[in-house]
């Protein structure tokens, strides 16, 4: 709910009270405008969440592949990371513009409605009961006199300027979101054509280790965040070094993982079809690797391989 602090001169007349939140809640025009914005906001939020998830999957896959990651795949990962960051910033700026616009437009309209109440001495005050009234504190004293929240809301609904301004705000174009996918090459184990998601396999077999790696990186990065926000070059260099160390750890984990998985697939090939299996780091939402999705089927072939499980224990330090 929009909360506004409005300063106004006391008006002559009988005492009355209002609160901006309560006026907004009672205003049909304001509620309708907020309802019109909700679907676009939900779409943007859902799209950005999906993009962020795909970006993280791609980065994890490339890191686990290490030196085996094709150059084109590494470049694609950087391109996706930059594009997602830009789209997040563009969307946040648009949301900020809308929020600021709502504050300005609603505040001006509410002031016009207040100015028209010449028969009352108005104070801003929380009225009514319930959690909102219990939690808020008013600097204007107790809620004395008439409750004018509904009357002010009716004045807002009759304000043609408010309706036009809100319409212009809700109708403003949102940033274009999404990334056109590109098919990337898989890293062959026994060939290509059957894609195995390397990030998914990594999480399934080394989930705890990968989580510890990420937590360690984030903990080391946390003390630098304030300086990074301020544009400190030394902090940036330190953060880049931490990132390089983190990616080197993942590459080492990935090399050991891929070697163990490759051997398990070779052993499984004595009883099952393991032809044309390759490791894919590019998620389907970003174009995949062009082959048949086979992660679940291949994982089912190797997940109980005893030598693989012993190798995973060694990699994890268990």
Protein backbone atom coordinates (compact mmCIF):
# COMPACT_ATOMS: atom_id res chain seq x y z
CA UNK A 1 0.00 0.00 0.00
CA UNK A 2 1.26 3.43 -0.92
CA UNK A 3 2.19 5.51 2.13
CA UNK A 4 2.46 9.26 1.66
CA UNK A 5 3.39 12.00 4.10
CA UNK A 6 1.51 15.17 3.22
CA UNK A 7 2.08 18.49 4.93
CA UNK A 8 -0.85 20.87 4.85
CA UNK A 9 -2.15 23.86 6.75
CA UNK A 10 -4.94 23.31 9.23
CA UNK A 11 -8.29 24.35 7.80
CA UNK A 12 -10.99 26.14 9.72
CA UNK A 13 -14.02 24.08 10.68
CA UNK A 14 -15.06 20.99 12.59
CA UNK A 15 -12.35 18.38 13.34
CA UNK A 16 -11.94 15.42 10.96
CA UNK A 17 -9.28 12.88 10.14
CA UNK A 18 -7.95 10.78 7.27
CA UNK A 19 -4.97 8.59 6.39
CA UNK A 20 -3.47 8.27 2.86
CA UNK A 21 -3.43 4.46 3.04
CA UNK A 22 -7.09 4.32 3.97
CA UNK A 23 -8.02 6.82 1.26
CA UNK A 24 -6.14 4.79 -1.36
CA UNK A 25 -7.79 1.56 -0.21
CA UNK A 26 -11.22 3.13 -0.56
CA UNK A 27 -10.55 4.72 -3.96
CA UNK A 28 -11.94 2.75 -6.90
CA UNK A 29 -9.76 4.62 -9.38
CA UNK A 30 -6.61 3.93 -7.40
CA UNK A 31 -7.43 0.24 -6.82
CA UNK A 32 -8.35 -0.26 -10.48
CA UNK A 33 -5.09 1.29 -11.60
CA UNK A 34 -3.11 -0.96 -9.27
CA UNK A 35 -5.04 -3.99 -10.57
CA UNK A 36 -4.20 -3.02 -14.14
CA UNK A 37 -0.50 -2.93 -13.29
CA UNK A 38 -0.44 -6.30 -11.54
CA UNK A 39 -0.44 -8.59 -14.63
CA UNK A 40 2.46 -6.75 -16.29
CA UNK A 41 4.41 -6.81 -13.04
CA UNK A 42 3.74 -10.54 -12.60
CA UNK A 43 4.88 -11.29 -16.16
CA UNK A 44 8.08 -9.30 -15.68
CA UNK A 45 8.78 -10.99 -12.34
CA UNK A 46 8.16 -14.48 -13.75
CA UNK A 47 10.25 -13.83 -16.86
CA UNK A 48 13.19 -12.45 -14.89
CA UNK A 49 13.04 -15.38 -12.46
CA UNK A 50 13.20 -17.87 -15.34
CA UNK A 51 16.05 -15.97 -17.00
CA UNK A 52 17.95 -15.84 -13.72
CA UNK A 53 17.54 -19.57 -13.18
CA UNK A 54 18.72 -20.37 -16.72
CA UNK A 55 21.68 -18.01 -16.33
CA UNK A 56 22.73 -19.69 -13.09
CA UNK A 57 22.40 -23.15 -14.66
CA UNK A 58 24.50 -22.08 -17.65
CA UNK A 59 27.20 -20.55 -15.44
CA UNK A 60 27.35 -23.65 -13.25
CA UNK A 61 27.61 -25.93 -16.28
CA UNK A 62 30.38 -23.88 -17.87
CA UNK A 63 32.28 -23.75 -14.57
CA UNK A 64 32.06 -27.52 -14.10
CA UNK A 65 33.24 -28.13 -17.66
CA UNK A 66 36.25 -25.90 -17.01
CA UNK A 67 38.83 -26.16 -19.77
CA UNK A 68 36.55 -28.54 -21.67
CA UNK A 69 33.94 -25.80 -22.21
CA UNK A 70 34.02 -24.67 -25.85
CA UNK A 71 35.06 -21.07 -26.41
CA UNK A 72 31.73 -20.26 -28.03
CA UNK A 73 29.90 -21.61 -24.97
CA UNK A 74 32.01 -19.47 -22.63
CA UNK A 75 31.26 -16.39 -24.73
CA UNK A 76 27.56 -17.24 -24.74
CA UNK A 77 27.57 -17.52 -20.95
CA UNK A 78 29.09 -14.04 -20.62
CA UNK A 79 26.57 -12.66 -23.11
CA UNK A 80 23.65 -14.14 -21.19
CA UNK A 81 24.97 -12.88 -17.84
CA UNK A 82 25.30 -9.35 -19.19
CA UNK A 83 21.87 -9.42 -20.86
CA UNK A 84 20.12 -10.67 -17.72
CA UNK A 85 21.83 -7.99 -15.60
CA UNK A 86 20.74 -5.26 -18.02
CA UNK A 87 17.15 -6.52 -18.09
CA UNK A 88 17.00 -6.62 -14.29
CA UNK A 89 18.22 -3.01 -14.11
CA UNK A 90 15.84 -1.81 -16.82
CA UNK A 91 12.87 -3.44 -15.11
CA UNK A 92 13.81 -2.07 -11.69
CA UNK A 93 14.12 1.43 -13.15
CA UNK A 94 10.66 1.10 -14.69
CA UNK A 95 9.19 -0.07 -11.38
CA UNK A 96 10.85 2.86 -9.62
CA UNK A 97 9.40 5.31 -12.17
CA UNK A 98 5.92 3.88 -11.62
CA UNK A 99 6.24 3.97 -7.83
CA UNK A 100 7.53 7.54 -7.86
CA UNK A 101 4.82 8.51 -10.33
CA UNK A 102 2.11 7.02 -8.18
CA UNK A 103 3.41 8.88 -5.16
CA UNK A 104 3.46 12.20 -6.96
CA UNK A 105 0.12 11.80 -8.76
CA UNK A 106 -1.78 10.40 -5.79
CA UNK A 107 -0.26 12.92 -3.41
CA UNK A 108 -1.26 15.87 -5.60
CA UNK A 109 -4.80 14.53 -6.07
CA UNK A 110 -5.20 13.89 -2.35
CA UNK A 111 -4.03 17.41 -1.59
CA UNK A 112 -6.64 18.80 -4.01
CA UNK A 113 -9.31 16.77 -2.23
CA UNK A 114 -8.09 17.97 1.17
CA UNK A 115 -8.06 21.60 0.04
CA UNK A 116 -11.70 21.28 -0.97
CA UNK A 117 -12.73 20.27 2.58
CA UNK A 118 -13.02 23.84 3.86
CA UNK A 119 -15.68 22.93 6.43
CA UNK A 120 -13.27 20.69 8.38
CA UNK A 121 -10.02 20.92 10.26
CA UNK A 122 -8.25 17.83 8.92
CA UNK A 123 -5.51 15.83 10.59
CA UNK A 124 -3.68 12.80 9.21
CA UNK A 125 -4.46 9.97 11.56
CA UNK A 126 -4.86 6.18 11.48
CA UNK A 127 -8.45 5.23 12.11
CA UNK A 128 -10.37 2.01 12.44
CA UNK A 129 -9.28 -1.25 13.99
CA UNK A 130 -7.22 -4.22 12.98
CA UNK A 131 -3.50 -4.86 12.54
CA UNK A 132 -2.78 -1.80 10.40
CA UNK A 133 -4.27 0.56 12.96
CA UNK A 134 -2.42 -1.21 15.77
CA UNK A 135 0.95 -1.08 14.06
CA UNK A 136 0.95 2.50 12.74
CA UNK A 137 1.67 5.58 14.80
CA UNK A 138 0.26 8.99 13.89
CA UNK A 139 2.08 12.23 14.63
CA UNK A 140 -1.22 14.14 14.50
CA UNK A 141 -2.72 12.96 17.77
CA UNK A 142 -5.83 10.87 18.28
CA UNK A 143 -8.41 10.38 15.54
CA UNK A 144 -10.86 13.08 16.51
CA UNK A 145 -13.92 14.15 14.58
CA UNK A 146 -15.36 12.81 11.36
CA UNK A 147 -13.72 10.02 9.38
CA UNK A 148 -13.22 11.55 5.91
CA UNK A 149 -11.34 8.65 4.28
CA UNK A 150 -14.37 7.62 2.22
CA UNK A 151 -15.22 11.21 1.31
CA UNK A 152 -11.68 11.91 0.14
CA UNK A 153 -11.64 8.64 -1.82
CA UNK A 154 -14.88 9.69 -3.55
CA UNK A 155 -13.28 13.01 -4.42
CA UNK A 156 -10.30 11.18 -5.93
CA UNK A 157 -12.62 8.98 -7.99
CA UNK A 158 -14.31 12.10 -9.36
CA UNK A 159 -10.98 13.77 -10.18
CA UNK A 160 -10.61 13.58 -13.98
CA UNK A 161 -6.99 14.70 -13.86
CA UNK A 162 -6.10 11.82 -11.52
CA UNK A 163 -7.72 9.25 -13.81
CA UNK A 164 -5.88 10.61 -16.87
CA UNK A 165 -2.52 10.73 -15.11
CA UNK A 166 -2.88 7.20 -13.72
CA UNK A 167 -3.90 5.92 -17.14
CA UNK A 168 -0.75 7.37 -18.66
CA UNK A 169 1.36 5.76 -15.96
CA UNK A 170 -0.17 2.28 -16.17
CA UNK A 171 -0.04 2.41 -19.96
CA UNK A 172 3.69 3.11 -20.13
CA UNK A 173 5.66 0.40 -21.96
CA UNK A 174 7.62 -2.12 -19.90
CA UNK A 175 11.15 -3.08 -20.98
CA UNK A 176 11.36 -5.91 -23.49
CA UNK A 177 12.40 -9.06 -21.64
CA UNK A 178 13.77 -12.39 -22.80
CA UNK A 179 16.78 -13.85 -24.58
CA UNK A 180 16.68 -15.48 -28.00
CA UNK A 181 18.22 -18.88 -27.47
CA UNK A 182 21.28 -20.22 -29.27
CA UNK A 183 22.11 -23.90 -29.65
CA UNK A 184 25.51 -24.66 -28.16
CA UNK A 185 27.81 -27.62 -28.71
CA UNK A 186 27.76 -30.45 -26.19
CA UNK A 187 31.03 -31.85 -24.83
CA UNK A 188 31.16 -35.47 -26.05
CA UNK A 189 31.57 -38.41 -23.69
CA UNK A 190 30.65 -41.15 -26.15
CA UNK A 191 29.53 -38.77 -28.88
CA UNK A 192 26.80 -36.17 -29.31
CA UNK A 193 23.10 -36.31 -30.00
CA UNK A 194 21.96 -37.32 -26.51
CA UNK A 195 22.29 -34.39 -24.13
CA UNK A 196 23.03 -34.75 -20.42
CA UNK A 197 22.65 -31.59 -18.33
CA UNK A 198 26.06 -31.24 -16.65
CA UNK A 199 24.77 -28.83 -14.00
CA UNK A 200 21.93 -31.19 -13.08
CA UNK A 201 24.30 -34.14 -12.77
CA UNK A 202 26.68 -32.00 -10.73
CA UNK A 203 23.92 -31.00 -8.31
CA UNK A 204 22.64 -34.58 -8.07
CA UNK A 205 26.04 -36.06 -7.26
CA UNK A 206 27.92 -33.15 -5.67
CA UNK A 207 25.08 -31.01 -4.34
CA UNK A 208 26.43 -30.56 -0.82
CA UNK A 209 29.94 -29.77 -2.01
CA UNK A 210 28.72 -27.24 -4.58
CA UNK A 211 26.55 -25.58 -1.93
CA UNK A 212 29.55 -25.29 0.39
CA UNK A 213 31.62 -23.79 -2.41
CA UNK A 214 28.95 -21.17 -3.11
CA UNK A 215 28.45 -20.35 0.57
CA UNK A 216 32.19 -19.90 1.03
CA UNK A 217 32.38 -17.58 -1.96
CA UNK A 218 29.41 -15.51 -0.80
CA UNK A 219 30.75 -15.28 2.76
CA UNK A 220 34.11 -14.06 1.47
CA UNK A 221 32.40 -11.55 -0.84
CA UNK A 222 30.01 -10.12 1.77
CA UNK A 223 32.54 -7.76 3.49
CA UNK A 224 33.26 -6.16 0.11
CA UNK A 225 29.68 -5.36 -0.87
CA UNK A 226 29.55 -1.85 0.58
CA UNK A 227 32.81 -0.87 -1.12
CA UNK A 228 31.69 -2.50 -4.37
CA UNK A 229 28.49 -0.45 -4.32
CA UNK A 230 30.62 2.65 -3.86
CA UNK A 231 32.72 1.76 -6.92
CA UNK A 232 35.93 1.01 -5.02
CA UNK A 233 38.49 -0.38 -7.51
CA UNK A 234 40.43 -2.35 -4.90
CA UNK A 235 37.24 -4.03 -3.74
CA UNK A 236 36.42 -4.87 -7.35
CA UNK A 237 39.84 -6.45 -7.86
CA UNK A 238 39.41 -8.47 -4.66
CA UNK A 239 35.95 -9.61 -5.74
CA UNK A 240 37.27 -10.67 -9.13
CA UNK A 241 40.05 -12.67 -7.45
CA UNK A 242 37.50 -14.38 -5.20
CA UNK A 243 35.37 -15.19 -8.22
CA UNK A 244 38.38 -16.66 -10.05
CA UNK A 245 39.21 -18.86 -7.05
CA UNK A 246 35.60 -20.03 -6.81
CA UNK A 247 35.47 -20.90 -10.51
CA UNK A 248 38.82 -22.72 -10.25
CA UNK A 249 37.39 -24.83 -7.43
CA UNK A 250 34.33 -25.68 -9.52
CA UNK A 251 36.51 -26.54 -12.51
CA UNK A 252 38.56 -28.94 -10.38
CA UNK A 253 35.40 -30.49 -8.96
CA UNK A 254 33.97 -30.74 -12.45
CA UNK A 255 37.06 -32.40 -13.93
CA UNK A 256 36.98 -35.11 -11.26
CA UNK A 257 33.21 -35.49 -11.63
CA UNK A 258 33.31 -35.80 -15.40
CA UNK A 259 36.10 -38.39 -15.23
CA UNK A 260 34.10 -40.46 -12.74
CA UNK A 261 30.87 -40.14 -14.72
CA UNK A 262 32.65 -41.04 -17.97
CA UNK A 263 33.99 -44.24 -16.44
CA UNK A 264 30.56 -45.10 -15.05
CA UNK A 265 28.97 -44.60 -18.47
CA UNK A 266 31.62 -46.83 -20.03
CA UNK A 267 30.83 -49.54 -17.49
CA UNK A 268 27.10 -49.13 -18.09
CA UNK A 269 27.71 -49.48 -21.81
CA UNK A 270 28.46 -53.16 -21.35
CA UNK A 271 24.77 -53.74 -20.61
CA UNK A 272 22.99 -50.66 -22.01
CA UNK A 273 23.10 -48.31 -24.96
CA UNK A 274 25.41 -45.45 -24.03
CA UNK A 275 26.18 -44.20 -27.55
CA UNK A 276 26.17 -40.52 -28.48
CA UNK A 277 26.12 -39.13 -24.93
CA UNK A 278 27.41 -35.59 -24.47
CA UNK A 279 27.46 -33.07 -21.63
CA UNK A 280 25.31 -30.01 -22.23
CA UNK A 281 25.76 -26.81 -20.19
CA UNK A 282 23.20 -24.72 -22.09
CA UNK A 283 19.67 -25.07 -20.58
CA UNK A 284 16.72 -25.64 -22.87
CA UNK A 285 15.38 -22.15 -22.10
CA UNK A 286 18.52 -20.69 -23.70
CA UNK A 287 18.57 -23.00 -26.72
CA UNK A 288 20.01 -26.23 -25.34
CA UNK A 289 22.54 -28.26 -27.32
CA UNK A 290 20.34 -29.58 -30.11
CA UNK A 291 20.30 -33.20 -29.01
CA UNK A 292 17.77 -35.49 -27.36
CA UNK A 293 17.31 -34.62 -23.69
CA UNK A 294 18.66 -37.71 -21.89
CA UNK A 295 19.71 -36.53 -18.44
CA UNK A 296 17.24 -38.63 -16.45
CA UNK A 297 17.79 -41.75 -18.55
CA UNK A 298 21.58 -41.62 -18.34
CA UNK A 299 21.57 -40.76 -14.66
CA UNK A 300 19.37 -43.79 -14.02
CA UNK A 301 22.05 -45.98 -15.66
CA UNK A 302 24.87 -44.79 -13.42
CA UNK A 303 23.38 -43.55 -10.16
CA UNK A 304 23.94 -46.85 -8.29
CA UNK A 305 27.37 -47.55 -9.76
CA UNK A 306 29.49 -48.38 -6.70
CA UNK A 307 32.76 -47.13 -8.13
CA UNK A 308 31.08 -43.87 -9.09
CA UNK A 309 29.65 -43.41 -5.61
CA UNK A 310 33.09 -44.07 -4.05
CA UNK A 311 34.62 -41.52 -6.43
CA UNK A 312 31.96 -38.98 -5.47
CA UNK A 313 32.77 -39.52 -1.78
CA UNK A 314 36.43 -38.84 -2.50
CA UNK A 315 35.63 -35.67 -4.45
CA UNK A 316 33.31 -34.45 -1.72
CA UNK A 317 35.87 -35.15 0.99
CA UNK A 318 33.48 -37.55 2.73
